[in-house]
Amino acid sequence: MSRRRALSLTLCWCAVGWALPAAADDDASDDDDVIIIEDEASSDDDDVIIIDDGTGTGDDDTLIIEGDDDEIIILDDESPTPELPAVSGALGRLWEALYVSVAAEGQFYGQWTAIEDGPLRVLGSSGFESWLLPTQNLSLYARGFARLAFDGAPENFRFVPVVDLYESYAKINAEVGSVQLGRLVAPWGGTRVAALGDRLNPPDHRRSVITFPDAVQNRQPQWGALLKTSLGSVVLEGVLFTLYEPTEGSLAASNQAGVRAARYQTALVRSPARAGGLFAYDTRENLYQNLSLLDSTTLAVRARRRVGELKIGGSAVIGLDEVPTLQFSPAMARYLGDSALGKPVAAPPCNPGDVASNADCFGRNTLRHNRSASLAADVEWGFGIVTLKAEAMINPRMGFVPGKTALVIDDAEGLKSVQVSQYGGAVAMETGYGEWFEGSVELFGLGWVGVPTGSVLWGVEALSGPLPYSRIIPGFVPRAGLGVSVGGSVFDQALTWRLRGEAGLVPIDILMSGEVRYQLPILKLYVGTRGNIFAGLPGSPGWMRQDASMIGLFMGWGTD
């Protein structure tokens, strides 16, 4: 090393010893401390020492020594910049995964058949989703929602709060498969509208009168377990549900997604906005029989396999029938039947809303759910942008198999329950084109076999005109229809539209819901219009929901 270089480095380290305390005492200054030690030789090759004070402000002390060679020495104080402690471990993962969506809407609707039935409905709701991954093979999942609804019908103003911990379960992964334990939904439907294989969870009516929930949100969770595994190329699922919970509105005619084979039969009140009539809204729960743990258990299994270009599946379910069994007094049954058929009737033998003091109208358990067993199969074939689907369902009554509960109106006995067989099938074509369009068009058919002669199938056969006592096939009642579920978006998803429903062919009726929404470019605000159109002959599903036909405007914030 040359004498000049040795002298330069000596002066450098002396300067460093002076500059460090000076920098520490000058934290408030915005200017860098620069010391230039220059010898008499002129050169462009300088020796540079940068002293980092560790404050993270970028105001560092720089010492430049002019020399013949480049040499840079950076002295970095390794003390980290002070930061708030981060939440770690499972609690930290839960916090980071927490997702909360909030939506609030002002909905103003006009009722198509009678304005007093529902001129105003205001709905506010919120929801959350959360995951927790304590270990590699264990995950916890929860989703819930809260709703505040104001129904502004003048003669039946209602404030309806709902809070529910929706799906909430623990999932355990193992080499042979996975197990979910908790509050679960298992949507097994093969097509978007008919969904005849979707027979495990009861429909959920608590979201809104007019809404477009997905397959999971459209079902009410049940407590139980779901097992998923495989045997070679066959994927297997097994379900055990207990503590059956009928959902709010299960006795009312209301908008529902999909054909839902039991839907036509569950409606004993015509719409949620008019929950009086046969059963008062507040006493509905008191009418149900409390089932034992064994009686309320549902067992189901499903298998799926790919064979070439085909996806084939099948399922079997042993559980509770959605259609309740009625246990009226003879006088009350005749009164209800005559009223539905339009016959002259006197005053009811009692007030249906006052269950406790009317033993002459109701038995101890007016409503109960019988056991039922069903089989379903589905097949799917996709080519290009088109997917073809087909599914079939049978619910037979034979031997020890109980069949299906059906509600009928008998000319002599009135409204009553009987056991029948039920069959159904559907074919669908699904397609899509980017974000602009996606949807399904389906043709479906249902049939009830064993309907007694001299009775009308409630919610399916028309009650007006000549009664169908002399059917083409004795005991057989058909229901055929065309279903549609379409939607899309334009203008970079700013404008979205959705349409869903069915048009009955036998009998003729219409059940449609539609929505057009525009997402404003600020603060997640959106505006739009939506409505229901229900129409049909008296006794048909469209007629049963006719007083829920609404159209109006809405404005909201957030996501749904």
Protein backbone atom coordinates (compact mmCIF):
# COMPACT_ATOMS: atom_id res chain seq x y z
CA MET A 1 0.00 0.00 0.00
CA SER A 2 1.36 3.45 -0.86
CA ARG A 3 2.11 5.97 1.82
CA ARG A 4 -0.60 8.21 0.41
CA ARG A 5 -3.20 5.42 0.59
CA ALA A 6 -2.19 4.55 4.18
CA LEU A 7 -2.46 8.18 5.21
CA SER A 8 -5.86 8.45 3.55
CA LEU A 9 -7.27 5.42 5.36
CA THR A 10 -5.90 6.63 8.67
CA LEU A 11 -7.62 9.97 8.22
CA CYS A 12 -10.76 8.09 7.11
CA TRP A 13 -11.10 6.06 10.29
CA CYS A 14 -10.42 9.14 12.38
CA ALA A 15 -13.24 10.87 10.56
CA VAL A 16 -15.53 7.88 11.09
CA GLY A 17 -14.95 8.00 14.81
CA TRP A 18 -15.93 11.66 14.74
CA ALA A 19 -18.91 11.30 12.42
CA LEU A 20 -20.78 8.47 14.22
CA PRO A 21 -21.57 10.38 17.46
CA ALA A 22 -22.28 13.46 15.43
CA ALA A 23 -24.89 11.60 13.39
CA ALA A 24 -26.48 10.14 16.50
CA ASP A 25 -26.91 13.58 18.03
CA ASP A 26 -28.41 15.06 14.88
CA ASP A 27 -31.47 12.86 14.26
CA ALA A 28 -33.76 15.81 13.79
CA SER A 29 -31.71 17.21 10.92
CA ASP A 30 -32.81 16.61 7.32
CA ASP A 31 -29.32 17.19 5.95
CA ASP A 32 -26.64 14.55 5.51
CA ASP A 33 -23.26 14.99 7.18
CA VAL A 34 -20.68 14.96 4.39
CA ILE A 35 -16.95 15.04 5.01
CA ILE A 36 -14.65 15.36 2.03
CA ILE A 37 -10.95 14.65 2.55
CA GLU A 38 -9.10 15.74 -0.51
CA ASP A 39 -5.43 15.42 -1.30
CA GLU A 40 -3.65 17.57 -3.78
CA ALA A 41 -3.82 15.01 -6.51
CA SER A 42 -6.65 15.46 -8.97
CA SER A 43 -8.48 12.17 -9.73
CA ASP A 44 -11.94 10.97 -10.62
CA ASP A 45 -11.54 7.77 -8.61
CA ASP A 46 -12.74 8.52 -5.13
CA ASP A 47 -12.87 6.38 -2.00
CA VAL A 48 -16.38 6.49 -0.48
CA ILE A 49 -17.49 5.41 2.99
CA ILE A 50 -21.23 5.52 3.73
CA ILE A 51 -22.22 5.39 7.39
CA ASP A 52 -25.84 4.23 7.92
CA ASP A 53 -27.29 5.52 11.17
CA GLY A 54 -30.04 2.86 11.12
CA THR A 55 -32.92 5.29 11.47
CA GLY A 56 -34.41 4.34 8.09
CA THR A 57 -34.83 8.02 7.21
CA GLY A 58 -32.38 8.02 4.36
CA ASP A 59 -30.24 10.77 6.02
CA ASP A 60 -26.93 8.91 6.15
CA ASP A 61 -23.43 10.16 6.91
CA THR A 62 -21.17 10.02 3.87
CA LEU A 63 -17.36 10.29 3.87
CA ILE A 64 -15.72 10.76 0.45
CA ILE A 65 -11.96 10.32 0.06
CA GLU A 66 -10.48 11.23 -3.29
CA GLY A 67 -7.95 8.76 -4.57
CA ASP A 68 -6.78 6.88 -7.59
CA ASP A 69 -8.89 3.73 -7.08
CA ASP A 70 -12.55 3.07 -6.40
CA GLU A 71 -13.24 1.77 -2.93
CA ILE A 72 -16.63 1.78 -1.20
CA ILE A 73 -17.10 0.78 2.42
CA ILE A 74 -20.64 0.72 3.87
CA LEU A 75 -20.96 0.59 7.65
CA ASP A 76 -24.53 -0.51 8.39
CA ASP A 77 -25.94 -0.35 11.87
CA GLU A 78 -27.78 -3.71 12.10
CA SER A 79 -30.39 -2.40 14.53
CA PRO A 80 -33.83 -2.98 12.84
CA THR A 81 -36.35 -0.23 12.36
CA PRO A 82 -38.84 -0.37 15.26
CA GLU A 83 -42.15 -2.02 14.17
CA LEU A 84 -45.37 -3.05 15.88
CA PRO A 85 -45.30 -6.72 16.86
CA ALA A 86 -47.15 -8.92 14.31
CA VAL A 87 -49.75 -11.43 15.42
CA SER A 88 -48.36 -14.86 14.64
CA GLY A 89 -49.44 -18.47 14.88
CA ALA A 90 -52.99 -19.73 14.41
CA LEU A 91 -54.51 -16.49 15.71
CA GLY A 92 -52.55 -14.51 13.16
CA ARG A 93 -53.66 -16.75 10.32
CA LEU A 94 -57.26 -16.38 11.45
CA TRP A 95 -56.97 -12.61 11.50
CA GLU A 96 -55.39 -12.46 8.06
CA ALA A 97 -58.02 -14.80 6.58
CA LEU A 98 -61.01 -12.98 8.06
CA TYR A 99 -63.31 -11.75 5.34
CA VAL A 100 -66.32 -9.58 6.08
CA SER A 101 -68.86 -8.55 3.48
CA VAL A 102 -71.56 -6.06 4.30
CA ALA A 103 -74.60 -5.23 2.21
CA ALA A 104 -77.50 -2.91 2.83
CA GLU A 105 -80.37 -2.17 0.52
CA GLY A 106 -83.40 0.01 0.37
CA GLN A 107 -85.99 -1.90 -1.64
CA PHE A 108 -89.16 -0.22 -2.85
CA TYR A 109 -91.60 -2.56 -4.55
CA GLY A 110 -95.05 -2.32 -6.02
CA GLN A 111 -97.28 -5.40 -5.58
CA TRP A 112 -98.79 -6.48 -8.87
CA THR A 113 -102.04 -7.98 -7.61
CA ALA A 114 -102.76 -5.97 -4.45
CA ILE A 115 -100.66 -2.96 -3.50
CA GLU A 116 -101.49 -3.32 0.20
CA ASP A 117 -99.72 -6.69 0.36
CA GLY A 118 -96.23 -5.30 0.08
CA PRO A 119 -95.62 -1.69 -0.94
CA LEU A 120 -92.37 -1.41 0.97
CA ARG A 121 -89.68 -3.83 2.01
CA VAL A 122 -86.36 -2.71 3.51
CA LEU A 123 -83.59 -5.24 3.99
CA GLY A 124 -80.16 -4.88 5.60
CA SER A 125 -77.74 -7.77 5.87
CA SER A 126 -74.12 -8.56 6.66
CA GLY A 127 -72.00 -11.65 6.48
CA PHE A 128 -68.54 -12.98 7.21
CA GLU A 129 -66.27 -15.81 6.21
CA SER A 130 -63.25 -17.05 8.12
CA TRP A 131 -60.67 -19.80 7.89
CA LEU A 132 -58.24 -21.07 10.51
CA LEU A 133 -55.42 -23.53 9.77
CA PRO A 134 -53.96 -24.66 13.11
CA THR A 135 -52.07 -27.59 11.58
CA GLN A 136 -51.34 -28.95 8.15
CA ASN A 137 -54.24 -31.42 8.10
CA LEU A 138 -56.84 -29.48 10.10
CA SER A 139 -58.80 -26.44 8.98
CA LEU A 140 -61.68 -24.59 10.61
CA TYR A 141 -64.23 -22.73 8.54
CA ALA A 142 -67.13 -20.48 9.51
CA ARG A 143 -69.61 -18.31 7.70
CA GLY A 144 -72.53 -16.39 9.13
CA PHE A 145 -74.97 -13.65 8.31
CA ALA A 146 -77.31 -11.20 9.99
CA ARG A 147 -80.42 -9.64 8.55
CA LEU A 148 -82.88 -6.94 9.55
CA ALA A 149 -86.04 -6.85 7.46
CA PHE A 150 -88.93 -4.40 7.64
CA ASP A 151 -92.09 -5.52 5.90
CA GLY A 152 -94.27 -2.48 5.30
CA ALA A 153 -97.65 -4.08 4.60
CA PRO A 154 -100.12 -1.73 6.36
CA GLU A 155 -102.16 -4.47 8.01
CA ASN A 156 -99.24 -6.76 8.75
CA PHE A 157 -96.17 -4.68 9.50
CA ARG A 158 -93.35 -6.94 10.58
CA PHE A 159 -89.80 -6.46 11.83
CA VAL A 160 -87.88 -9.69 11.24
CA PRO A 161 -84.32 -10.01 12.61
CA VAL A 162 -82.26 -13.09 11.74
CA VAL A 163 -78.77 -13.97 12.99
CA ASP A 164 -77.26 -17.29 12.09
CA LEU A 165 -73.86 -18.95 12.21
CA TYR A 166 -74.27 -20.47 8.79
CA GLU A 167 -71.84 -23.12 7.57
CA SER A 168 -69.32 -23.77 10.36
CA TYR A 169 -67.23 -26.90 10.48
CA ALA A 170 -63.84 -28.48 11.07
CA LYS A 171 -62.20 -30.30 8.16
CA ILE A 172 -59.68 -33.07 8.79
CA ASN A 173 -57.53 -34.27 5.90
CA ALA A 174 -56.00 -37.74 5.89
CA GLU A 175 -54.41 -40.03 3.32
CA VAL A 176 -57.68 -41.86 2.69
CA GLY A 177 -59.84 -38.73 2.35
CA SER A 178 -61.33 -35.92 4.39
CA VAL A 179 -63.98 -35.48 7.08
CA GLN A 180 -66.05 -32.36 7.77
CA LEU A 181 -67.79 -32.03 11.14
CA GLY A 182 -70.22 -29.28 12.09
CA ARG A 183 -72.99 -27.33 10.43
CA LEU A 184 -72.94 -28.32 6.76
CA VAL A 185 -74.55 -27.94 3.35
CA ALA A 186 -74.20 -30.69 0.73
CA PRO A 187 -75.62 -29.41 -2.60
CA TRP A 188 -75.77 -32.49 -4.83
CA GLY A 189 -77.97 -31.18 -7.62
CA GLY A 190 -76.79 -31.99 -11.14
CA THR A 191 -78.49 -29.16 -13.04
CA ARG A 192 -78.90 -25.49 -12.22
CA VAL A 193 -82.69 -25.27 -12.22
CA ALA A 194 -84.19 -28.72 -11.66
CA ALA A 195 -81.44 -29.99 -9.32
CA LEU A 196 -83.41 -33.16 -8.65
CA GLY A 197 -80.48 -34.74 -6.83
CA ASP A 198 -80.38 -31.96 -4.23
CA ARG A 199 -82.35 -33.68 -1.47
CA LEU A 200 -80.33 -33.29 1.74
CA ASN A 201 -80.73 -29.75 3.08
CA PRO A 202 -84.11 -28.00 3.30
CA PRO A 203 -84.48 -24.75 1.32
CA ASP A 204 -83.51 -21.54 3.09
CA HIS A 205 -85.93 -18.61 2.72
CA ARG A 206 -84.25 -16.20 5.12
CA ARG A 207 -82.16 -14.14 2.70
CA SER A 208 -84.81 -12.05 0.98
CA VAL A 209 -88.07 -12.35 -0.90
CA ILE A 210 -86.14 -11.59 -4.09
CA THR A 211 -82.58 -12.84 -4.21
CA PHE A 212 -80.16 -14.88 -6.26
CA PRO A 213 -78.18 -17.02 -3.82
CA ASP A 214 -75.78 -19.72 -4.90
CA ALA A 215 -76.39 -23.42 -4.35
CA VAL A 216 -75.01 -23.34 -0.81
CA GLN A 217 -76.74 -20.16 0.32
CA ASN A 218 -80.04 -21.51 -0.96
CA ARG A 219 -80.00 -24.39 1.55
CA GLN A 220 -80.26 -24.35 5.32
CA PRO A 221 -77.28 -26.04 7.03
CA GLN A 222 -77.80 -29.10 9.19
CA TRP A 223 -75.62 -30.52 11.96
CA GLY A 224 -73.64 -33.58 10.98
CA ALA A 225 -70.63 -35.01 9.18
CA LEU A 226 -69.48 -35.30 5.55
CA LEU A 227 -66.90 -37.91 4.51
CA LYS A 228 -65.06 -37.78 1.17
CA THR A 229 -62.83 -40.58 -0.09
CA SER A 230 -62.15 -42.63 -3.21
CA LEU A 231 -62.00 -46.24 -4.30
CA GLY A 232 -59.80 -46.33 -7.36
CA SER A 233 -61.41 -44.01 -9.92
CA VAL A 234 -64.68 -43.71 -7.97
CA VAL A 235 -65.15 -40.66 -5.72
CA LEU A 236 -67.37 -41.37 -2.70
CA GLU A 237 -69.20 -39.02 -0.33
CA GLY A 238 -71.12 -40.02 2.78
CA VAL A 239 -73.37 -37.75 4.85
CA LEU A 240 -74.85 -38.04 8.33
CA PHE A 241 -77.23 -35.26 9.43
CA THR A 242 -79.05 -34.95 12.76
CA LEU A 243 -81.35 -32.43 14.46
CA TYR A 244 -83.48 -31.52 11.44
CA GLU A 245 -84.39 -27.81 11.44
CA PRO A 246 -87.27 -26.62 9.23
CA THR A 247 -86.36 -23.23 7.84
CA GLU A 248 -88.24 -19.98 8.30
CA GLY A 249 -90.94 -19.73 5.67
CA SER A 250 -91.01 -23.44 4.87
CA LEU A 251 -94.82 -23.39 4.96
CA ALA A 252 -95.13 -20.30 2.78
CA ALA A 253 -95.22 -19.95 -0.98
CA SER A 254 -92.11 -17.95 -1.85
CA ASN A 255 -89.41 -17.54 -4.43
CA GLN A 256 -86.96 -20.44 -4.50
CA ALA A 257 -84.13 -21.42 -6.76
CA GLY A 258 -84.56 -24.62 -8.71
CA VAL A 259 -87.56 -26.83 -9.21
CA ARG A 260 -87.20 -28.42 -5.78
CA ALA A 261 -89.66 -31.31 -6.14
CA ALA A 262 -91.22 -30.72 -2.71
CA ARG A 263 -91.70 -27.00 -3.21
CA TYR A 264 -95.24 -27.13 -4.55
CA GLN A 265 -96.38 -29.17 -1.60
CA THR A 266 -94.88 -27.25 1.31
CA ALA A 267 -96.76 -24.01 0.73
CA LEU A 268 -99.61 -23.83 3.24
CA VAL A 269 -99.38 -20.03 3.41
CA ARG A 270 -99.36 -18.15 0.14
CA SER A 271 -96.49 -15.71 0.65
CA PRO A 272 -94.06 -14.48 3.34
CA ALA A 273 -95.64 -11.00 3.21
CA ARG A 274 -98.97 -12.56 4.26
CA ALA A 275 -98.02 -15.11 6.88
CA GLY A 276 -101.48 -15.19 8.44
CA GLY A 277 -104.22 -17.45 7.18
CA LEU A 278 -103.82 -21.13 7.87
CA PHE A 279 -100.84 -20.75 10.20
CA ALA A 280 -99.87 -17.58 12.01
CA TYR A 281 -96.21 -16.67 11.52
CA ASP A 282 -95.32 -16.48 15.21
CA THR A 283 -96.83 -19.86 16.09
CA ARG A 284 -95.40 -21.89 13.23
CA GLU A 285 -92.67 -23.51 15.33
CA ASN A 286 -95.21 -24.62 17.92
CA LEU A 287 -97.02 -26.71 15.32
CA TYR A 288 -94.08 -29.03 14.67
CA GLN A 289 -93.55 -32.24 16.53
CA ASN A 290 -90.25 -32.50 18.37
CA LEU A 291 -88.49 -35.48 16.82
CA SER A 292 -86.05 -37.72 18.61
CA LEU A 293 -82.41 -37.80 17.56
CA LEU A 294 -82.91 -41.09 15.75
CA ASP A 295 -86.10 -39.95 13.97
CA SER A 296 -84.43 -36.77 12.71
CA THR A 297 -81.33 -38.50 11.30
CA THR A 298 -80.49 -38.41 7.58
CA LEU A 299 -78.10 -40.86 5.91
CA ALA A 300 -76.87 -40.42 2.34
CA VAL A 301 -74.15 -41.68 0.01
CA ARG A 302 -72.99 -40.46 -3.39
CA ALA A 303 -70.59 -41.94 -5.98
CA ARG A 304 -69.06 -40.25 -9.04
CA ARG A 305 -66.78 -41.45 -11.80
CA ARG A 306 -65.46 -40.25 -15.14
CA VAL A 307 -65.87 -42.68 -18.05
CA GLY A 308 -64.22 -41.28 -21.15
CA GLU A 309 -65.91 -37.96 -21.88
CA LEU A 310 -68.78 -38.68 -19.49
CA LYS A 311 -69.15 -37.88 -15.80
CA ILE A 312 -71.54 -40.31 -14.14
CA GLY A 313 -72.95 -40.06 -10.62
CA GLY A 314 -75.57 -41.56 -8.36
CA SER A 315 -76.86 -41.00 -4.83
CA ALA A 316 -79.16 -42.54 -2.24
CA VAL A 317 -80.82 -40.66 0.65
CA ILE A 318 -82.75 -41.91 3.67
CA GLY A 319 -84.06 -38.99 5.67
CA LEU A 320 -86.97 -36.69 6.37
CA ASP A 321 -89.60 -35.62 3.88
CA GLU A 322 -89.79 -31.84 3.39
CA VAL A 323 -93.57 -32.02 3.01
CA PRO A 324 -95.15 -32.11 6.47
CA THR A 325 -97.83 -34.61 7.48
CA LEU A 326 -101.02 -32.81 8.58
CA GLN A 327 -102.96 -33.79 11.68
CA PHE A 328 -106.08 -31.62 11.66
CA SER A 329 -109.40 -32.21 13.23
CA PRO A 330 -112.02 -33.38 10.66
CA ALA A 331 -113.88 -30.05 10.93
CA MET A 332 -110.77 -28.01 10.26
CA ALA A 333 -109.67 -30.26 7.36
CA ARG A 334 -113.07 -29.89 5.64
CA TYR A 335 -113.08 -26.12 6.16
CA LEU A 336 -109.64 -25.72 4.59
CA GLY A 337 -110.48 -27.98 1.67
CA ASP A 338 -113.78 -26.24 0.90
CA SER A 339 -112.08 -22.83 1.12
CA ALA A 340 -109.42 -23.86 -1.38
CA LEU A 341 -111.99 -25.22 -3.81
CA GLY A 342 -114.03 -22.04 -3.64
CA LYS A 343 -117.06 -23.60 -1.99
CA PRO A 344 -119.30 -21.58 0.33
CA VAL A 345 -117.98 -21.87 3.88
CA ALA A 346 -118.98 -20.58 7.27
CA ALA A 347 -116.57 -19.18 9.81
CA PRO A 348 -113.60 -21.44 10.66
CA PRO A 349 -114.18 -23.76 13.61
CA CYS A 350 -111.35 -22.00 15.45
CA ASN A 351 -108.56 -19.46 15.10
CA PRO A 352 -105.66 -21.26 13.41
CA GLY A 353 -103.16 -18.87 14.98
CA ASP A 354 -104.11 -19.79 18.54
CA VAL A 355 -102.73 -23.31 18.74
CA ALA A 356 -102.73 -23.74 22.51
CA SER A 357 -106.45 -23.10 23.05
CA ASN A 358 -107.83 -24.90 20.02
CA ALA A 359 -107.54 -28.61 20.66
CA ASP A 360 -110.70 -29.14 18.60
CA CYS A 361 -108.84 -27.92 15.48
CA PHE A 362 -105.35 -29.24 16.02
CA GLY A 363 -103.95 -32.36 17.48
CA ARG A 364 -101.04 -32.29 19.86
CA ASN A 365 -98.66 -32.32 16.90
CA THR A 366 -100.27 -30.66 13.90
CA LEU A 367 -97.20 -31.05 11.70
CA ARG A 368 -94.58 -33.74 11.57
CA HIS A 369 -92.06 -35.01 9.04
CA ASN A 370 -92.18 -38.63 7.96
CA ARG A 371 -89.23 -40.71 6.81
CA SER A 372 -88.49 -40.92 3.10
CA ALA A 373 -86.03 -42.76 0.81
CA SER A 374 -84.96 -41.78 -2.69
CA LEU A 375 -82.45 -42.57 -5.43
CA ALA A 376 -80.99 -40.21 -8.05
CA ALA A 377 -78.60 -40.51 -10.99
CA ASP A 378 -76.92 -37.92 -13.22
CA VAL A 379 -74.67 -37.82 -16.27
CA GLU A 380 -72.68 -34.97 -17.85
CA TRP A 381 -71.04 -34.63 -21.25
CA GLY A 382 -69.08 -31.56 -22.26
CA PHE A 383 -67.89 -30.58 -25.70
CA GLY A 384 -66.60 -27.14 -26.59
CA ILE A 385 -68.53 -24.39 -24.88
CA VAL A 386 -71.63 -26.57 -24.46
CA THR A 387 -72.30 -29.05 -21.66
CA LEU A 388 -75.20 -31.49 -21.76
CA LYS A 389 -76.60 -32.82 -18.49
CA ALA A 390 -79.34 -35.23 -17.50
CA GLU A 391 -80.62 -36.43 -14.14
CA ALA A 392 -83.38 -38.64 -12.79
CA MET A 393 -84.90 -39.15 -9.34
CA ILE A 394 -87.21 -41.80 -7.90
CA ASN A 395 -88.98 -41.80 -4.55
CA PRO A 396 -90.98 -45.05 -4.60
CA ARG A 397 -93.59 -46.37 -2.22
CA MET A 398 -93.23 -50.13 -2.08
CA GLY A 399 -92.74 -52.67 0.67
CA PHE A 400 -90.86 -51.11 3.57
CA VAL A 401 -89.97 -47.99 1.50
CA PRO A 402 -92.33 -45.24 2.75
CA GLY A 403 -92.59 -43.19 -0.46
CA LYS A 404 -93.45 -39.49 -0.53
CA THR A 405 -95.83 -37.43 1.58
CA ALA A 406 -98.38 -35.58 -0.54
CA LEU A 407 -101.04 -33.02 0.38
CA VAL A 408 -104.39 -33.52 -1.33
CA ILE A 409 -107.82 -31.93 -1.14
CA ASP A 410 -110.57 -34.51 -0.93
CA ASP A 411 -114.12 -33.50 -1.81
CA ALA A 412 -115.46 -35.16 1.32
CA GLU A 413 -112.59 -35.10 3.83
CA GLY A 414 -110.93 -31.79 2.93
CA LEU A 415 -107.19 -31.09 3.14
CA LYS A 416 -105.20 -34.15 4.23
CA SER A 417 -101.92 -36.06 3.81
CA VAL A 418 -101.37 -39.27 1.85
CA GLN A 419 -98.35 -41.38 0.88
CA VAL A 420 -97.54 -41.67 -2.86
CA SER A 421 -94.62 -42.43 -5.17
CA GLN A 422 -92.78 -39.65 -6.96
CA TYR A 423 -90.55 -39.65 -10.05
CA GLY A 424 -88.70 -36.94 -11.92
CA GLY A 425 -86.27 -36.30 -14.74
CA ALA A 426 -84.52 -33.37 -16.40
CA VAL A 427 -82.25 -32.63 -19.36
CA ALA A 428 -80.21 -29.45 -19.60
CA MET A 429 -77.90 -27.59 -21.94
CA GLU A 430 -75.38 -25.25 -20.33
CA THR A 431 -73.15 -22.82 -22.17
CA GLY A 432 -71.28 -19.57 -21.74
CA TYR A 433 -69.34 -16.93 -23.60
CA GLY A 434 -66.81 -15.16 -21.42
CA GLU A 435 -68.31 -12.75 -18.94
CA TRP A 436 -71.08 -11.74 -21.34
CA PHE A 437 -73.30 -14.76 -20.96
CA GLU A 438 -73.64 -18.04 -19.11
CA GLY A 439 -76.66 -20.10 -18.33
CA SER A 440 -78.71 -23.23 -18.56
CA VAL A 441 -81.93 -24.15 -20.35
CA GLU A 442 -83.70 -27.24 -19.03
CA LEU A 443 -86.71 -29.39 -19.72
CA PHE A 444 -88.02 -31.23 -16.67
CA GLY A 445 -90.91 -33.42 -15.64
CA LEU A 446 -92.31 -34.68 -12.33
CA GLY A 447 -94.92 -37.30 -11.64
CA TRP A 448 -96.88 -38.34 -8.56
CA VAL A 449 -98.22 -41.89 -8.65
CA GLY A 450 -100.92 -43.19 -6.33
CA VAL A 451 -102.91 -39.98 -5.83
CA PRO A 452 -106.36 -41.09 -4.57
CA THR A 453 -109.32 -40.89 -6.94
CA GLY A 454 -111.63 -38.05 -5.96
CA SER A 455 -108.83 -35.77 -4.71
CA VAL A 456 -106.74 -32.91 -6.11
CA LEU A 457 -102.97 -32.70 -5.56
CA TRP A 458 -102.41 -29.50 -3.59
CA GLY A 459 -100.08 -27.01 -5.25
CA VAL A 460 -99.85 -28.94 -8.53
CA GLU A 461 -103.30 -29.48 -10.05
CA ALA A 462 -105.57 -26.56 -10.89
CA LEU A 463 -108.43 -26.00 -8.46
CA SER A 464 -110.56 -24.07 -10.94
CA GLY A 465 -112.74 -25.60 -13.64
CA PRO A 466 -113.66 -29.29 -13.74
CA LEU A 467 -111.82 -31.23 -11.05
CA PRO A 468 -109.50 -33.91 -12.49
CA TYR A 469 -111.22 -36.83 -10.80
CA SER A 470 -111.11 -38.78 -14.07
CA ARG A 471 -107.44 -38.67 -15.00
CA ILE A 472 -105.99 -40.08 -18.22
CA ILE A 473 -103.92 -42.47 -16.09
CA PRO A 474 -105.67 -43.21 -12.79
CA GLY A 475 -103.69 -42.00 -9.80
CA PHE A 476 -101.00 -40.25 -11.92
CA VAL A 477 -100.48 -36.45 -11.73
CA PRO A 478 -97.82 -34.94 -14.06
CA ARG A 479 -95.99 -31.64 -13.90
CA ALA A 480 -93.87 -30.63 -16.89
CA GLY A 481 -92.01 -27.41 -17.38
CA LEU A 482 -89.17 -25.48 -18.96
CA GLY A 483 -86.52 -24.02 -16.66
CA VAL A 484 -83.98 -21.29 -17.33
CA SER A 485 -81.07 -19.80 -15.40
CA VAL A 486 -79.07 -17.22 -17.35
CA GLY A 487 -76.97 -14.16 -16.63
CA GLY A 488 -73.98 -12.14 -17.67
CA SER A 489 -72.24 -8.80 -17.55
CA VAL A 490 -71.10 -6.07 -19.92
CA PHE A 491 -68.98 -2.91 -19.73
CA ASP A 492 -66.22 -4.60 -17.75
CA GLN A 493 -68.73 -6.13 -15.30
CA ALA A 494 -70.25 -2.75 -14.47
CA LEU A 495 -73.68 -3.86 -15.69
CA THR A 496 -74.90 -7.33 -14.73
CA TRP A 497 -78.17 -9.12 -15.40
CA ARG A 498 -79.75 -12.39 -14.20
CA LEU A 499 -82.92 -14.29 -14.96
CA ARG A 500 -84.13 -17.49 -13.37
CA GLY A 501 -87.37 -19.40 -13.19
CA GLU A 502 -89.64 -21.86 -14.89
CA ALA A 503 -92.65 -21.94 -17.14
CA GLY A 504 -95.04 -24.73 -16.34
CA LEU A 505 -96.40 -26.62 -19.33
CA VAL A 506 -98.76 -28.96 -17.42
CA PRO A 507 -100.38 -27.06 -15.78
CA ILE A 508 -99.60 -23.73 -17.44
CA ASP A 509 -98.04 -21.13 -15.15
CA ILE A 510 -95.03 -18.82 -14.84
CA LEU A 511 -92.53 -18.36 -12.01
CA MET A 512 -89.75 -15.92 -12.94
CA SER A 513 -87.27 -13.66 -11.14
CA GLY A 514 -85.03 -11.10 -12.82
CA GLU A 515 -82.48 -8.46 -11.94
CA VAL A 516 -80.46 -5.74 -13.67
CA ARG A 517 -77.73 -4.08 -11.61
CA TYR A 518 -75.28 -1.27 -12.31
CA GLN A 519 -72.13 -1.02 -10.19
CA LEU A 520 -71.24 2.62 -9.64
CA PRO A 521 -67.52 3.44 -9.93
CA ILE A 522 -67.36 4.75 -6.34
CA LEU A 523 -67.55 3.17 -2.90
CA LYS A 524 -69.04 -0.16 -4.04
CA LEU A 525 -72.43 1.49 -4.56
CA TYR A 526 -74.90 -0.15 -6.92
CA VAL A 527 -78.37 0.56 -8.22
CA GLY A 528 -80.80 -1.57 -10.14
CA THR A 529 -84.20 -3.05 -10.61
CA ARG A 530 -85.49 -6.51 -9.85
CA GLY A 531 -88.79 -8.27 -9.62
CA ASN A 532 -90.84 -11.43 -9.47
CA ILE A 533 -93.55 -12.49 -11.89
CA PHE A 534 -95.78 -15.32 -10.67
CA ALA A 535 -98.99 -16.22 -12.47
CA GLY A 536 -101.09 -19.30 -13.09
CA LEU A 537 -104.39 -21.09 -12.73
CA PRO A 538 -105.79 -21.41 -9.18
CA GLY A 539 -103.97 -24.27 -7.49
CA SER A 540 -100.85 -24.12 -9.68
CA PRO A 541 -97.47 -23.05 -8.27
CA GLY A 542 -97.68 -19.74 -10.11
CA TRP A 543 -101.05 -18.98 -8.55
CA MET A 544 -99.83 -19.91 -5.07
CA ARG A 545 -97.09 -17.27 -5.36
CA GLN A 546 -99.08 -14.71 -7.29
CA ASP A 547 -99.45 -12.34 -4.34
CA ALA A 548 -95.64 -12.27 -4.07
CA SER A 549 -95.32 -10.77 -7.58
CA MET A 550 -93.35 -7.55 -7.09
CA ILE A 551 -91.29 -5.12 -9.10
CA GLY A 552 -89.28 -2.14 -7.96
CA LEU A 553 -86.00 -0.32 -7.56
CA PHE A 554 -83.16 -0.82 -5.14
CA MET A 555 -79.96 0.89 -4.12
CA GLY A 556 -77.27 -0.63 -1.99
CA TRP A 557 -73.66 -0.84 -0.95
CA GLY A 558 -71.27 -3.76 -0.79
CA THR A 559 -71.52 -7.22 -2.30
CA ASP A 560 -74.15 -9.95 -2.05
